Amino acid sequence: MNTDIGTDRYVISDDNKITGTHLATGYSVEILLTNQEMILATSKSETLNDEWNAMCFLVHRRTGQNILGEIQIDSITQNGNTKDFH
């Protein structure tokens, strides 16, 4: 994974996304993530909750979609590889 947050930080593709269920409606949700958001979403640092919250903030600012408290995350796709979330 490219951890350099340079000019490609806003690149969006199907290779990086989270998939889940909107809690209020039951609809499936797919949110494509920028490289910067993916780095935050997959952080393993001691402050991973802060990074996850920062990722949610960036997604909300970019898309208007709230993740926290509104979406049950089922899977995360990183570099085209999908795995169950948690």
Protein backbone atom coordinates (compact mmCIF):
# COMPACT_ATOMS: atom_id res chain seq x y z
CA MET A 1 0.00 0.00 0.00
CA ASN A 2 1.24 3.45 -0.85
CA THR A 3 1.51 5.44 2.37
CA ASP A 4 2.69 8.58 0.58
CA ILE A 5 -0.18 11.04 0.79
CA GLY A 6 0.82 12.98 -2.30
CA THR A 7 -1.02 13.85 -5.46
CA ASP A 8 -2.77 10.45 -5.58
CA ARG A 9 -4.50 10.89 -2.23
CA TYR A 10 -7.81 11.77 -3.91
CA VAL A 11 -7.80 8.92 -6.42
CA ILE A 12 -10.98 6.86 -6.11
CA SER A 13 -11.53 3.37 -7.54
CA ASP A 14 -13.42 0.16 -6.80
CA ASP A 15 -10.16 -1.22 -5.40
CA ASN A 16 -10.63 0.67 -2.10
CA LYS A 17 -14.06 0.71 -0.52
CA ILE A 18 -16.19 -0.22 2.43
CA THR A 19 -19.44 -2.12 2.05
CA GLY A 20 -22.21 -2.33 4.59
CA THR A 21 -25.85 -1.87 5.46
CA HIS A 22 -27.57 1.41 6.22
CA LEU A 23 -29.11 0.83 9.64
CA ALA A 24 -32.26 2.93 9.18
CA THR A 25 -33.21 1.67 5.73
CA GLY A 26 -31.59 -1.76 5.45
CA TYR A 27 -30.17 -0.79 2.05
CA SER A 28 -26.75 -1.97 0.96
CA VAL A 29 -24.14 0.78 0.95
CA GLU A 30 -20.86 0.93 -0.92
CA ILE A 31 -18.51 3.83 -0.26
CA LEU A 32 -15.46 4.20 -2.46
CA LEU A 33 -12.49 5.49 -0.49
CA THR A 34 -9.68 7.77 -1.54
CA ASN A 35 -6.15 6.56 -0.88
CA GLN A 36 -5.93 8.93 2.08
CA GLU A 37 -9.18 7.56 3.56
CA MET A 38 -7.99 3.97 3.05
CA ILE A 39 -4.74 4.68 4.90
CA LEU A 40 -6.75 6.02 7.83
CA ALA A 41 -9.31 3.18 7.71
CA THR A 42 -6.65 0.48 7.87
CA SER A 43 -4.39 2.06 10.46
CA LYS A 44 -2.88 -0.28 13.02
CA SER A 45 -1.45 2.48 15.21
CA GLU A 46 -2.27 3.05 18.86
CA THR A 47 -4.57 5.90 17.82
CA LEU A 48 -6.57 3.81 15.35
CA ASN A 49 -9.89 5.10 16.73
CA ASP A 50 -8.78 8.66 15.99
CA GLU A 51 -7.77 7.64 12.48
CA TRP A 52 -11.08 5.83 11.90
CA ASN A 53 -12.98 8.93 13.07
CA ALA A 54 -10.84 11.10 10.77
CA MET A 55 -11.64 8.78 7.85
CA CYS A 56 -15.36 9.00 8.66
CA PHE A 57 -15.11 12.80 8.79
CA LEU A 58 -13.35 12.94 5.41
CA VAL A 59 -15.94 10.62 3.83
CA HIS A 60 -18.76 12.74 5.25
CA ARG A 61 -17.16 15.95 4.00
CA ARG A 62 -16.60 14.46 0.53
CA THR A 63 -19.88 12.52 0.10
CA GLY A 64 -22.33 13.72 2.76
CA GLN A 65 -22.61 10.11 3.98
CA ASN A 66 -22.38 9.54 7.75
CA ILE A 67 -20.75 6.25 8.66
CA LEU A 68 -20.67 6.43 12.45
CA GLY A 69 -23.97 5.31 13.92
CA GLU A 70 -25.61 4.94 10.50
CA ILE A 71 -23.82 2.16 8.64
CA GLN A 72 -22.94 -1.35 9.73
CA ILE A 73 -19.68 -2.10 7.96
CA ASP A 74 -19.65 -5.66 6.58
CA SER A 75 -16.46 -5.70 4.51
CA ILE A 76 -13.53 -3.60 3.44
CA THR A 77 -11.79 -3.85 0.09
CA GLN A 78 -8.18 -2.76 -0.02
CA ASN A 79 -6.21 -2.86 -3.27
CA GLY A 80 -8.94 -5.10 -4.72
CA ASN A 81 -8.81 -7.64 -1.86
CA THR A 82 -12.05 -7.89 0.10
CA LYS A 83 -12.18 -9.16 3.68
CA ASP A 84 -14.80 -9.21 6.40
CA PHE A 85 -14.73 -6.19 8.66
CA HIS A 86 -13.78 -7.16 12.22
